[in-house]
């Protein structure tokens, strides 16, 4: 058994299922049974492992991942989940993150990464494609592609993304329809459906926002990302909804977790391009080696582990490619 398998079994056995009422008693009970019976991580769905990680009651740190290599580095370092958003697809195409990219582009991008990693991923489903009917298909595709959590937002698309305070968002009826469609579309009940609400960031009031969130919770949303709330407002929302909350954060986990927030994503994905920019400036200035920037290169032994160098070498020998 690998160290990774042992560590995963360890955290699943220690999960304790203390949040059974919060996350779904039957799903977590199944996860506990599999863990106690000695089943490895591969026998549990990514959604079940994500729920088990949440059930530990500890802050869940979710690095924003934009490549297969980055997801595998997260696995090596022992992270229990990651986050993929439309921002990654936008960055890949040098576009602003304003839903200019199509939902299908985002799905294809996320599935490409998720299908090549064992890391449970919170996958951004954008606005599901607009209609609850297209949302149904979006959720199907993301779940089949390996998502542990599927997030759906209350935007209408570029119109609301570009708009300022008070811009029109998806109506309450449409958002309820999107969540109901998502719940119906999933086949693995451990896959979490997360509702993202951007209303606070667009100037909508707390009471109106909570009214929507309550309706989405009743429609079957398992978790929430409320964009634009202060930590005190997050705490009030947690008291009202009694379901897991996620924020985007660069602050200490102790601060947001003390306010009832369960998980946070951290944008480490844009650091790499910054390092390459420094290397380009150094290369241009020196007309040669970029020694300082080169210090940030991935260590050779870690790089070999990320690409499964030893395993592929063994296969090459087995199949007679090399002797």
C-alpha atoms as a PDB file:
ATOM      1  CA  UNK A   1       0.000   0.000   0.000  1.00  0.00           C
ATOM      2  CA  UNK A   2       1.334   3.455  -0.877  1.00  0.00           C
ATOM      3  CA  UNK A   3       1.815   6.246   1.659  1.00  0.00           C
ATOM      4  CA  UNK A   4      -0.929   8.182  -0.128  1.00  0.00           C
ATOM      5  CA  UNK A   5      -3.392   5.288   0.284  1.00  0.00           C
ATOM      6  CA  UNK A   6      -2.522   4.945   3.955  1.00  0.00           C
ATOM      7  CA  UNK A   7      -2.957   8.670   4.581  1.00  0.00           C
ATOM      8  CA  UNK A   8      -6.323   8.734   2.818  1.00  0.00           C
ATOM      9  CA  UNK A   9      -7.558   5.734   4.818  1.00  0.00           C
ATOM     10  CA  UNK A  10      -6.344   7.432   7.966  1.00  0.00           C
ATOM     11  CA  UNK A  11      -8.292  10.623   7.449  1.00  0.00           C
ATOM     12  CA  UNK A  12     -11.416   8.725   6.392  1.00  0.00           C
ATOM     13  CA  UNK A  13     -11.276   6.479   9.458  1.00  0.00           C
ATOM     14  CA  UNK A  14     -10.820   9.565  11.624  1.00  0.00           C
ATOM     15  CA  UNK A  15     -13.616  11.559  10.030  1.00  0.00           C
ATOM     16  CA  UNK A  16     -16.053  10.517  12.731  1.00  0.00           C
ATOM     17  CA  UNK A  17     -19.039  11.609  10.653  1.00  0.00           C
ATOM     18  CA  UNK A  18     -19.705  14.357  13.208  1.00  0.00           C
ATOM     19  CA  UNK A  19     -21.534  16.415  10.615  1.00  0.00           C
ATOM     20  CA  UNK A  20     -23.991  13.707   9.572  1.00  0.00           C
ATOM     21  CA  UNK A  21     -26.971  15.997   9.772  1.00  0.00           C
ATOM     22  CA  UNK A  22     -25.067  18.713   7.930  1.00  0.00           C
ATOM     23  CA  UNK A  23     -23.772  16.699   5.014  1.00  0.00           C
ATOM     24  CA  UNK A  24     -26.210  13.817   4.663  1.00  0.00           C
ATOM     25  CA  UNK A  25     -26.254  10.937   7.125  1.00  0.00           C
ATOM     26  CA  UNK A  26     -26.660   8.127   4.607  1.00  0.00           C
ATOM     27  CA  UNK A  27     -23.846   9.308   2.336  1.00  0.00           C
ATOM     28  CA  UNK A  28     -21.422   9.833   5.198  1.00  0.00           C
ATOM     29  CA  UNK A  29     -22.402   6.537   6.782  1.00  0.00           C
ATOM     30  CA  UNK A  30     -21.562   4.798   3.515  1.00  0.00           C
ATOM     31  CA  UNK A  31     -18.225   6.599   3.413  1.00  0.00           C
ATOM     32  CA  UNK A  32     -17.488   5.536   6.988  1.00  0.00           C
ATOM     33  CA  UNK A  33     -18.420   1.926   6.267  1.00  0.00           C
ATOM     34  CA  UNK A  34     -16.125   1.774   3.254  1.00  0.00           C
ATOM     35  CA  UNK A  35     -13.289   3.367   5.185  1.00  0.00           C
ATOM     36  CA  UNK A  36     -13.691   1.052   8.180  1.00  0.00           C
ATOM     37  CA  UNK A  37     -13.876  -2.008   5.947  1.00  0.00           C
ATOM     38  CA  UNK A  38     -10.442  -1.186   4.583  1.00  0.00           C
ATOM     39  CA  UNK A  39     -11.544  -0.003   1.159  1.00  0.00           C
ATOM     40  CA  UNK A  40      -8.911   2.193  -0.490  1.00  0.00           C
ATOM     41  CA  UNK A  41      -9.508   5.707  -1.801  1.00  0.00           C
ATOM     42  CA  UNK A  42     -10.125   4.322  -5.273  1.00  0.00           C
ATOM     43  CA  UNK A  43     -13.234   2.465  -4.027  1.00  0.00           C
ATOM     44  CA  UNK A  44     -14.819   5.691  -2.807  1.00  0.00           C
ATOM     45  CA  UNK A  45     -16.096   8.381  -5.108  1.00  0.00           C
ATOM     46  CA  UNK A  46     -14.422  11.765  -5.056  1.00  0.00           C
ATOM     47  CA  UNK A  47     -17.621  13.257  -3.692  1.00  0.00           C
ATOM     48  CA  UNK A  48     -17.655  10.809  -0.783  1.00  0.00           C
ATOM     49  CA  UNK A  49     -14.036  11.623   0.040  1.00  0.00           C
ATOM     50  CA  UNK A  50     -14.766  15.344  -0.111  1.00  0.00           C
ATOM     51  CA  UNK A  51     -17.707  14.936   2.267  1.00  0.00           C
ATOM     52  CA  UNK A  52     -15.545  12.885   4.618  1.00  0.00           C
ATOM     53  CA  UNK A  53     -12.909  15.630   4.602  1.00  0.00           C
ATOM     54  CA  UNK A  54     -15.566  18.212   5.475  1.00  0.00           C
ATOM     55  CA  UNK A  55     -16.860  15.981   8.247  1.00  0.00           C
ATOM     56  CA  UNK A  56     -13.525  16.224  10.026  1.00  0.00           C
ATOM     57  CA  UNK A  57     -14.557  19.683  11.147  1.00  0.00           C
ATOM     58  CA  UNK A  58     -11.196  21.215  10.214  1.00  0.00           C
ATOM     59  CA  UNK A  59     -10.634  24.118   7.785  1.00  0.00           C
ATOM     60  CA  UNK A  60     -10.533  22.687   4.268  1.00  0.00           C
ATOM     61  CA  UNK A  61      -7.930  24.468   2.121  1.00  0.00           C
ATOM     62  CA  UNK A  62      -8.602  24.300  -1.610  1.00  0.00           C
ATOM     63  CA  UNK A  63      -5.759  25.431  -3.876  1.00  0.00           C
ATOM     64  CA  UNK A  64      -6.986  26.751  -7.224  1.00  0.00           C
ATOM     65  CA  UNK A  65      -5.606  24.269  -9.744  1.00  0.00           C
ATOM     66  CA  UNK A  66      -5.286  24.929 -13.458  1.00  0.00           C
ATOM     67  CA  UNK A  67      -3.338  21.921 -14.666  1.00  0.00           C
ATOM     68  CA  UNK A  68      -2.883  18.208 -14.126  1.00  0.00           C
ATOM     69  CA  UNK A  69       0.582  18.818 -12.703  1.00  0.00           C
ATOM     70  CA  UNK A  70      -0.782  21.230 -10.112  1.00  0.00           C
ATOM     71  CA  UNK A  71      -3.473  18.769  -9.002  1.00  0.00           C
ATOM     72  CA  UNK A  72      -0.850  16.060  -8.589  1.00  0.00           C
ATOM     73  CA  UNK A  73       1.349  18.396  -6.568  1.00  0.00           C
ATOM     74  CA  UNK A  74      -1.655  18.969  -4.300  1.00  0.00           C
ATOM     75  CA  UNK A  75      -1.983  15.210  -3.855  1.00  0.00           C
ATOM     76  CA  UNK A  76       1.715  14.875  -3.048  1.00  0.00           C
ATOM     77  CA  UNK A  77       1.411  17.600  -0.410  1.00  0.00           C
ATOM     78  CA  UNK A  78      -1.639  15.963   1.159  1.00  0.00           C
ATOM     79  CA  UNK A  79      -4.388  18.420   0.217  1.00  0.00           C
ATOM     80  CA  UNK A  80      -7.837  16.870   0.364  1.00  0.00           C
ATOM     81  CA  UNK A  81      -9.358  18.915  -2.438  1.00  0.00           C
ATOM     82  CA  UNK A  82      -8.863  21.619  -5.024  1.00  0.00           C
ATOM     83  CA  UNK A  83     -10.882  24.225  -6.876  1.00  0.00           C
ATOM     84  CA  UNK A  84     -11.295  24.781 -10.613  1.00  0.00           C
ATOM     85  CA  UNK A  85     -13.143  27.798 -11.932  1.00  0.00           C
ATOM     86  CA  UNK A  86     -13.963  29.506 -15.154  1.00  0.00           C
ATOM     87  CA  UNK A  87     -11.096  31.855 -14.320  1.00  0.00           C
ATOM     88  CA  UNK A  88      -8.652  29.121 -15.306  1.00  0.00           C
ATOM     89  CA  UNK A  89     -10.251  28.740 -18.713  1.00  0.00           C
ATOM     90  CA  UNK A  90     -10.299  32.512 -19.143  1.00  0.00           C
ATOM     91  CA  UNK A  91      -6.607  32.762 -18.240  1.00  0.00           C
ATOM     92  CA  UNK A  92      -5.750  29.984 -20.685  1.00  0.00           C
ATOM     93  CA  UNK A  93      -7.293  32.078 -23.454  1.00  0.00           C
ATOM     94  CA  UNK A  94      -5.988  35.430 -22.119  1.00  0.00           C
ATOM     95  CA  UNK A  95      -9.561  36.612 -21.489  1.00  0.00           C
ATOM     96  CA  UNK A  96     -11.073  38.513 -18.566  1.00  0.00           C
ATOM     97  CA  UNK A  97     -13.004  36.316 -16.158  1.00  0.00           C
ATOM     98  CA  UNK A  98     -16.427  37.611 -17.185  1.00  0.00           C
ATOM     99  CA  UNK A  99     -18.052  34.498 -18.667  1.00  0.00           C
ATOM    100  CA  UNK A 100     -16.865  35.355 -22.177  1.00  0.00           C
ATOM    101  CA  UNK A 101     -15.827  31.729 -22.527  1.00  0.00           C
ATOM    102  CA  UNK A 102     -18.679  29.313 -23.183  1.00  0.00           C
ATOM    103  CA  UNK A 103     -19.884  26.844 -20.581  1.00  0.00           C
ATOM    104  CA  UNK A 104     -18.814  23.979 -22.844  1.00  0.00           C
ATOM    105  CA  UNK A 105     -15.268  25.369 -23.012  1.00  0.00           C
ATOM    106  CA  UNK A 106     -15.159  25.451 -19.215  1.00  0.00           C
ATOM    107  CA  UNK A 107     -16.534  21.901 -18.969  1.00  0.00           C
ATOM    108  CA  UNK A 108     -13.992  20.530 -21.457  1.00  0.00           C
ATOM    109  CA  UNK A 109     -11.144  22.265 -19.650  1.00  0.00           C
ATOM    110  CA  UNK A 110     -12.171  21.046 -16.195  1.00  0.00           C
ATOM    111  CA  UNK A 111     -12.896  17.481 -17.304  1.00  0.00           C
ATOM    112  CA  UNK A 112      -9.491  17.252 -18.976  1.00  0.00           C
ATOM    113  CA  UNK A 113      -7.824  18.003 -15.640  1.00  0.00           C
ATOM    114  CA  UNK A 114     -10.242  16.134 -13.349  1.00  0.00           C
ATOM    115  CA  UNK A 115     -10.047  12.912 -15.356  1.00  0.00           C
ATOM    116  CA  UNK A 116      -6.282  12.819 -14.831  1.00  0.00           C
ATOM    117  CA  UNK A 117      -6.157  13.226 -11.070  1.00  0.00           C
ATOM    118  CA  UNK A 118      -7.482  11.522  -7.961  1.00  0.00           C
ATOM    119  CA  UNK A 119      -7.862  14.879  -6.190  1.00  0.00           C
ATOM    120  CA  UNK A 120     -11.493  15.764  -5.332  1.00  0.00           C
ATOM    121  CA  UNK A 121     -12.303  18.976  -7.191  1.00  0.00           C
ATOM    122  CA  UNK A 122     -14.859  21.732  -6.687  1.00  0.00           C
ATOM    123  CA  UNK A 123     -15.756  22.332 -10.338  1.00  0.00           C
ATOM    124  CA  UNK A 124     -17.294  25.583 -11.522  1.00  0.00           C
ATOM    125  CA  UNK A 125     -20.377  24.982 -13.651  1.00  0.00           C
ATOM    126  CA  UNK A 126     -20.729  28.733 -14.281  1.00  0.00           C
ATOM    127  CA  UNK A 127     -24.450  29.509 -14.701  1.00  0.00           C
ATOM    128  CA  UNK A 128     -25.107  26.014 -16.014  1.00  0.00           C
ATOM    129  CA  UNK A 129     -25.629  27.371 -19.499  1.00  0.00           C
ATOM    130  CA  UNK A 130     -28.475  29.664 -18.467  1.00  0.00           C
ATOM    131  CA  UNK A 131     -31.582  27.499 -18.480  1.00  0.00           C
ATOM    132  CA  UNK A 132     -32.207  24.826 -15.819  1.00  0.00           C
ATOM    133  CA  UNK A 133     -32.517  22.361 -18.712  1.00  0.00           C
ATOM    134  CA  UNK A 134     -28.984  23.100 -19.933  1.00  0.00           C
ATOM    135  CA  UNK A 135     -27.871  23.076 -16.299  1.00  0.00           C
ATOM    136  CA  UNK A 136     -29.026  19.455 -16.116  1.00  0.00           C
ATOM    137  CA  UNK A 137     -26.626  18.522 -18.935  1.00  0.00           C
ATOM    138  CA  UNK A 138     -23.808  20.628 -17.480  1.00  0.00           C
ATOM    139  CA  UNK A 139     -24.021  18.736 -14.192  1.00  0.00           C
ATOM    140  CA  UNK A 140     -24.146  15.385 -16.001  1.00  0.00           C
ATOM    141  CA  UNK A 141     -20.969  16.199 -17.918  1.00  0.00           C
ATOM    142  CA  UNK A 142     -19.057  17.502 -14.906  1.00  0.00           C
ATOM    143  CA  UNK A 143     -20.034  14.570 -12.698  1.00  0.00           C
ATOM    144  CA  UNK A 144     -19.071  12.052 -15.375  1.00  0.00           C
ATOM    145  CA  UNK A 145     -15.819  13.966 -15.777  1.00  0.00           C
ATOM    146  CA  UNK A 146     -14.902  13.430 -12.125  1.00  0.00           C
ATOM    147  CA  UNK A 147     -16.172  16.442 -10.170  1.00  0.00           C
ATOM    148  CA  UNK A 148     -16.621  16.011  -6.416  1.00  0.00           C
ATOM    149  CA  UNK A 149     -18.531  19.276  -6.084  1.00  0.00           C
ATOM    150  CA  UNK A 150     -20.376  21.181  -8.820  1.00  0.00           C
ATOM    151  CA  UNK A 151     -20.907  24.907  -8.311  1.00  0.00           C
ATOM    152  CA  UNK A 152     -23.680  26.858 -10.044  1.00  0.00           C
ATOM    153  CA  UNK A 153     -23.975  30.631  -9.899  1.00  0.00           C
ATOM    154  CA  UNK A 154     -26.762  33.200 -10.063  1.00  0.00           C
ATOM    155  CA  UNK A 155     -25.345  35.131 -13.024  1.00  0.00           C
ATOM    156  CA  UNK A 156     -27.002  35.571 -16.384  1.00  0.00           C
ATOM    157  CA  UNK A 157     -23.646  35.589 -18.174  1.00  0.00           C
ATOM    158  CA  UNK A 158     -21.443  38.481 -19.323  1.00  0.00           C
ATOM    159  CA  UNK A 159     -24.335  40.906 -18.759  1.00  0.00           C
ATOM    160  CA  UNK A 160     -24.278  40.410 -15.001  1.00  0.00           C
ATOM    161  CA  UNK A 161     -20.526  39.707 -14.826  1.00  0.00           C
ATOM    162  CA  UNK A 162     -19.709  43.058 -16.439  1.00  0.00           C
ATOM    163  CA  UNK A 163     -22.485  44.923 -14.648  1.00  0.00           C
ATOM    164  CA  UNK A 164     -21.971  46.982 -11.509  1.00  0.00           C
ATOM    165  CA  UNK A 165     -24.086  47.499  -8.426  1.00  0.00           C
ATOM    166  CA  UNK A 166     -27.711  46.514  -8.873  1.00  0.00           C
ATOM    167  CA  UNK A 167     -27.216  44.718 -12.184  1.00  0.00           C
ATOM    168  CA  UNK A 168     -29.885  42.152 -13.034  1.00  0.00           C
ATOM    169  CA  UNK A 169     -29.039  38.660 -11.826  1.00  0.00           C
ATOM    170  CA  UNK A 170     -30.766  35.355 -12.540  1.00  0.00           C
ATOM    171  CA  UNK A 171     -34.191  35.405 -10.937  1.00  0.00           C
ATOM    172  CA  UNK A 172     -35.005  33.404  -7.840  1.00  0.00           C
ATOM    173  CA  UNK A 173     -37.199  31.080  -9.903  1.00  0.00           C
ATOM    174  CA  UNK A 174     -34.427  30.401 -12.421  1.00  0.00           C
ATOM    175  CA  UNK A 175     -31.852  29.738  -9.698  1.00  0.00           C
ATOM    176  CA  UNK A 176     -34.200  27.365  -7.874  1.00  0.00           C
ATOM    177  CA  UNK A 177     -34.716  25.595 -11.197  1.00  0.00           C
ATOM    178  CA  UNK A 178     -30.965  25.315 -11.758  1.00  0.00           C
ATOM    179  CA  UNK A 179     -30.432  23.711  -8.349  1.00  0.00           C
ATOM    180  CA  UNK A 180     -33.359  21.329  -8.761  1.00  0.00           C
ATOM    181  CA  UNK A 181     -32.031  20.315 -12.169  1.00  0.00           C
ATOM    182  CA  UNK A 182     -28.558  19.755 -10.709  1.00  0.00           C
ATOM    183  CA  UNK A 183     -29.918  17.547  -7.922  1.00  0.00           C
ATOM    184  CA  UNK A 184     -31.904  15.503 -10.430  1.00  0.00           C
ATOM    185  CA  UNK A 185     -28.970  15.194 -12.837  1.00  0.00           C
ATOM    186  CA  UNK A 186     -26.391  13.784 -10.448  1.00  0.00           C
ATOM    187  CA  UNK A 187     -26.171  10.019 -10.217  1.00  0.00           C
ATOM    188  CA  UNK A 188     -23.837   9.739  -7.218  1.00  0.00           C
ATOM    189  CA  UNK A 189     -25.633  11.165  -4.204  1.00  0.00           C
ATOM    190  CA  UNK A 190     -22.301  11.991  -2.608  1.00  0.00           C
ATOM    191  CA  UNK A 191     -21.574  14.555  -5.336  1.00  0.00           C
ATOM    192  CA  UNK A 192     -22.190  17.944  -3.731  1.00  0.00           C
ATOM    193  CA  UNK A 193     -24.202  20.662  -5.431  1.00  0.00           C
ATOM    194  CA  UNK A 194     -22.924  24.099  -4.431  1.00  0.00           C
ATOM    195  CA  UNK A 195     -24.864  27.297  -5.056  1.00  0.00           C
ATOM    196  CA  UNK A 196     -22.836  30.432  -5.721  1.00  0.00           C
ATOM    197  CA  UNK A 197     -24.517  33.744  -4.983  1.00  0.00           C
ATOM    198  CA  UNK A 198     -22.932  36.939  -6.325  1.00  0.00           C
ATOM    199  CA  UNK A 199     -25.793  39.177  -5.270  1.00  0.00           C
ATOM    200  CA  UNK A 200     -23.970  40.730  -2.266  1.00  0.00           C
ATOM    201  CA  UNK A 201     -21.013  41.679  -4.475  1.00  0.00           C
ATOM    202  CA  UNK A 202     -23.483  43.362  -6.841  1.00  0.00           C
ATOM    203  CA  UNK A 203     -25.049  45.483  -4.118  1.00  0.00           C
ATOM    204  CA  UNK A 204     -28.028  43.354  -3.132  1.00  0.00           C
ATOM    205  CA  UNK A 205     -29.095  43.418   0.518  1.00  0.00           C
ATOM    206  CA  UNK A 206     -28.497  40.730   3.114  1.00  0.00           C
ATOM    207  CA  UNK A 207     -32.186  39.952   3.635  1.00  0.00           C
ATOM    208  CA  UNK A 208     -32.848  39.487  -0.084  1.00  0.00           C
ATOM    209  CA  UNK A 209     -29.735  37.351  -0.428  1.00  0.00           C
ATOM    210  CA  UNK A 210     -30.662  35.122   2.506  1.00  0.00           C
ATOM    211  CA  UNK A 211     -34.166  34.693   1.096  1.00  0.00           C
ATOM    212  CA  UNK A 212     -32.650  33.326  -2.126  1.00  0.00           C
ATOM    213  CA  UNK A 213     -30.158  31.123  -0.281  1.00  0.00           C
ATOM    214  CA  UNK A 214     -32.913  29.618   1.849  1.00  0.00           C
ATOM    215  CA  UNK A 215     -34.905  28.770  -1.264  1.00  0.00           C
ATOM    216  CA  UNK A 216     -31.832  27.180  -2.865  1.00  0.00           C
ATOM    217  CA  UNK A 217     -31.182  25.159   0.284  1.00  0.00           C
ATOM    218  CA  UNK A 218     -34.758  23.880   0.194  1.00  0.00           C
ATOM    219  CA  UNK A 219     -34.278  23.028  -3.497  1.00  0.00           C
ATOM    220  CA  UNK A 220     -31.393  20.735  -2.538  1.00  0.00           C
ATOM    221  CA  UNK A 221     -28.185  22.794  -2.530  1.00  0.00           C
ATOM    222  CA  UNK A 222     -25.613  21.048  -0.327  1.00  0.00           C
ATOM    223  CA  UNK A 223     -23.211  23.970   0.148  1.00  0.00           C
ATOM    224  CA  UNK A 224     -22.814  27.664  -0.642  1.00  0.00           C
ATOM    225  CA  UNK A 225     -20.328  30.219  -1.913  1.00  0.00           C
ATOM    226  CA  UNK A 226     -21.628  33.673  -1.012  1.00  0.00           C
ATOM    227  CA  UNK A 227     -19.486  36.218  -2.816  1.00  0.00           C
ATOM    228  CA  UNK A 228     -19.273  39.634  -1.163  1.00  0.00           C
ATOM    229  CA  UNK A 229     -20.262  38.750   2.379  1.00  0.00           C
ATOM    230  CA  UNK A 230     -18.125  39.789   5.341  1.00  0.00           C
ATOM    231  CA  UNK A 231     -17.100  37.054   7.759  1.00  0.00           C
ATOM    232  CA  UNK A 232     -19.771  38.207  10.197  1.00  0.00           C
ATOM    233  CA  UNK A 233     -22.380  37.887   7.455  1.00  0.00           C
ATOM    234  CA  UNK A 234     -21.003  34.450   6.589  1.00  0.00           C
ATOM    235  CA  UNK A 235     -21.502  33.447  10.199  1.00  0.00           C
ATOM    236  CA  UNK A 236     -25.124  34.613  10.153  1.00  0.00           C
ATOM    237  CA  UNK A 237     -25.704  32.715   6.911  1.00  0.00           C
ATOM    238  CA  UNK A 238     -24.201  29.563   8.427  1.00  0.00           C
ATOM    239  CA  UNK A 239     -26.534  29.835  11.407  1.00  0.00           C
ATOM    240  CA  UNK A 240     -29.526  30.186   9.103  1.00  0.00           C
ATOM    241  CA  UNK A 241     -28.612  27.602   6.453  1.00  0.00           C
ATOM    242  CA  UNK A 242     -26.745  25.038   8.574  1.00  0.00           C
ATOM    243  CA  UNK A 243     -24.829  23.854   5.512  1.00  0.00           C
ATOM    244  CA  UNK A 244     -21.147  24.120   4.512  1.00  0.00           C
ATOM    245  CA  UNK A 245     -19.870  27.478   3.274  1.00  0.00           C
ATOM    246  CA  UNK A 246     -16.921  28.282   1.006  1.00  0.00           C
ATOM    247  CA  UNK A 247     -15.142  31.587   0.502  1.00  0.00           C
ATOM    248  CA  UNK A 248     -12.283  32.817  -1.636  1.00  0.00           C
ATOM    249  CA  UNK A 249      -9.512  33.812   0.724  1.00  0.00           C
ATOM    250  CA  UNK A 250      -5.907  34.719   1.235  1.00  0.00           C
ATOM    251  CA  UNK A 251      -6.352  35.130   4.981  1.00  0.00           C
ATOM    252  CA  UNK A 252      -5.567  32.686   7.796  1.00  0.00           C
ATOM    253  CA  UNK A 253      -7.856  29.678   7.986  1.00  0.00           C
ATOM    254  CA  UNK A 254      -8.280  30.215  11.723  1.00  0.00           C
ATOM    255  CA  UNK A 255     -10.077  33.509  11.041  1.00  0.00           C
ATOM    256  CA  UNK A 256     -12.690  32.296   8.568  1.00  0.00           C
ATOM    257  CA  UNK A 257     -13.172  28.926  10.234  1.00  0.00           C
ATOM    258  CA  UNK A 258     -13.943  30.644  13.538  1.00  0.00           C
ATOM    259  CA  UNK A 259     -16.835  32.351  11.747  1.00  0.00           C
ATOM    260  CA  UNK A 260     -18.356  29.072  10.610  1.00  0.00           C
ATOM    261  CA  UNK A 261     -16.837  28.929   7.123  1.00  0.00           C
ATOM    262  CA  UNK A 262     -15.840  25.381   6.225  1.00  0.00           C
ATOM    263  CA  UNK A 263     -13.561  25.806   3.205  1.00  0.00           C
ATOM    264  CA  UNK A 264     -11.704  28.416   1.197  1.00  0.00           C
ATOM    265  CA  UNK A 265     -10.011  28.465  -2.173  1.00  0.00           C
ATOM    266  CA  UNK A 266      -6.643  30.162  -2.605  1.00  0.00           C
ATOM    267  CA  UNK A 267      -5.429  31.481  -5.951  1.00  0.00           C
ATOM    268  CA  UNK A 268      -1.963  29.968  -6.211  1.00  0.00           C
ATOM    269  CA  UNK A 269      -2.501  29.357  -9.921  1.00  0.00           C
ATOM    270  CA  UNK A 270      -1.337  32.794 -11.050  1.00  0.00           C
ATOM    271  CA  UNK A 271       1.996  32.563  -9.221  1.00  0.00           C
ATOM    272  CA  UNK A 272       3.510  30.345 -11.921  1.00  0.00           C
ATOM    273  CA  UNK A 273       2.949  32.830 -14.720  1.00  0.00           C
ATOM    274  CA  UNK A 274       4.418  35.535 -12.498  1.00  0.00           C
ATOM    275  CA  UNK A 275       7.582  33.490 -12.041  1.00  0.00           C
ATOM    276  CA  UNK A 276       7.875  33.011 -15.797  1.00  0.00           C
ATOM    277  CA  UNK A 277       7.456  36.756 -16.302  1.00  0.00           C
ATOM    278  CA  UNK A 278      10.355  37.366 -13.907  1.00  0.00           C
ATOM    279  CA  UNK A 279      12.424  34.838 -15.866  1.00  0.00           C
ATOM    280  CA  UNK A 280      11.643  36.624 -19.142  1.00  0.00           C
ATOM    281  CA  UNK A 281      12.702  39.990 -17.742  1.00  0.00           C
ATOM    282  CA  UNK A 282      15.914  38.481 -16.375  1.00  0.00           C
ATOM    283  CA  UNK A 283      16.643  36.707 -19.649  1.00  0.00           C
ATOM    284  CA  UNK A 284      16.120  39.914 -21.623  1.00  0.00           C
ATOM    285  CA  UNK A 285      18.190  42.041 -19.248  1.00  0.00           C
ATOM    286  CA  UNK A 286      21.120  39.641 -19.047  1.00  0.00           C
ATOM    287  CA  UNK A 287      20.996  38.380 -22.591  1.00  0.00           C
ATOM    288  CA  UNK A 288      21.435  34.885 -21.263  1.00  0.00           C
ATOM    289  CA  UNK A 289      20.792  32.744 -18.138  1.00  0.00           C
ATOM    290  CA  UNK A 290      17.954  33.555 -15.727  1.00  0.00           C
ATOM    291  CA  UNK A 291      19.689  32.296 -12.604  1.00  0.00           C
ATOM    292  CA  UNK A 292      17.479  33.957  -9.988  1.00  0.00           C
ATOM    293  CA  UNK A 293      14.184  32.866 -11.526  1.00  0.00           C
ATOM    294  CA  UNK A 294      15.600  29.365 -12.075  1.00  0.00           C
ATOM    295  CA  UNK A 295      15.723  28.933  -8.291  1.00  0.00           C
ATOM    296  CA  UNK A 296      11.925  28.613  -8.378  1.00  0.00           C
ATOM    297  CA  UNK A 297      12.026  25.555 -10.620  1.00  0.00           C
ATOM    298  CA  UNK A 298      10.335  22.414  -9.389  1.00  0.00           C
ATOM    299  CA  UNK A 299      12.902  20.117  -7.732  1.00  0.00           C
ATOM    300  CA  UNK A 300      13.889  17.223 -10.013  1.00  0.00           C
ATOM    301  CA  UNK A 301      12.712  14.520  -7.621  1.00  0.00           C
ATOM    302  CA  UNK A 302       9.295  16.141  -7.233  1.00  0.00           C
ATOM    303  CA  UNK A 303       8.969  16.637 -10.995  1.00  0.00           C
ATOM    304  CA  UNK A 304       9.763  12.950 -11.523  1.00  0.00           C
ATOM    305  CA  UNK A 305       7.086  11.985  -9.000  1.00  0.00           C
ATOM    306  CA  UNK A 306       4.466  14.238 -10.605  1.00  0.00           C
ATOM    307  CA  UNK A 307       4.890  12.658 -14.040  1.00  0.00           C
ATOM    308  CA  UNK A 308       5.171   9.079 -12.669  1.00  0.00           C
ATOM    309  CA  UNK A 309       8.661   8.767 -14.128  1.00  0.00           C
ATOM    310  CA  UNK A 310       9.462   5.482 -12.359  1.00  0.00           C
ATOM    311  CA  UNK A 311       6.172   3.837 -13.345  1.00  0.00           C
ATOM    312  CA  UNK A 312       6.521   4.769 -17.007  1.00  0.00           C
ATOM    313  CA  UNK A 313      10.124   3.559 -17.052  1.00  0.00           C
ATOM    314  CA  UNK A 314       8.986   0.227 -15.598  1.00  0.00           C
ATOM    315  CA  UNK A 315       6.301  -0.069 -18.279  1.00  0.00           C
ATOM    316  CA  UNK A 316       8.811   0.683 -21.021  1.00  0.00           C
ATOM    317  CA  UNK A 317      10.985  -2.160 -19.751  1.00  0.00           C
ATOM    318  CA  UNK A 318       8.036  -4.535 -19.413  1.00  0.00           C
ATOM    319  CA  UNK A 319       6.879  -3.940 -22.974  1.00  0.00           C
ATOM    320  CA  UNK A 320      10.356  -4.257 -24.449  1.00  0.00           C
ATOM    321  CA  UNK A 321      10.707  -0.595 -25.391  1.00  0.00           C
ATOM    322  CA  UNK A 322      13.987  -0.486 -23.467  1.00  0.00           C
ATOM    323  CA  UNK A 323      16.160  -3.166 -21.903  1.00  0.00           C
END
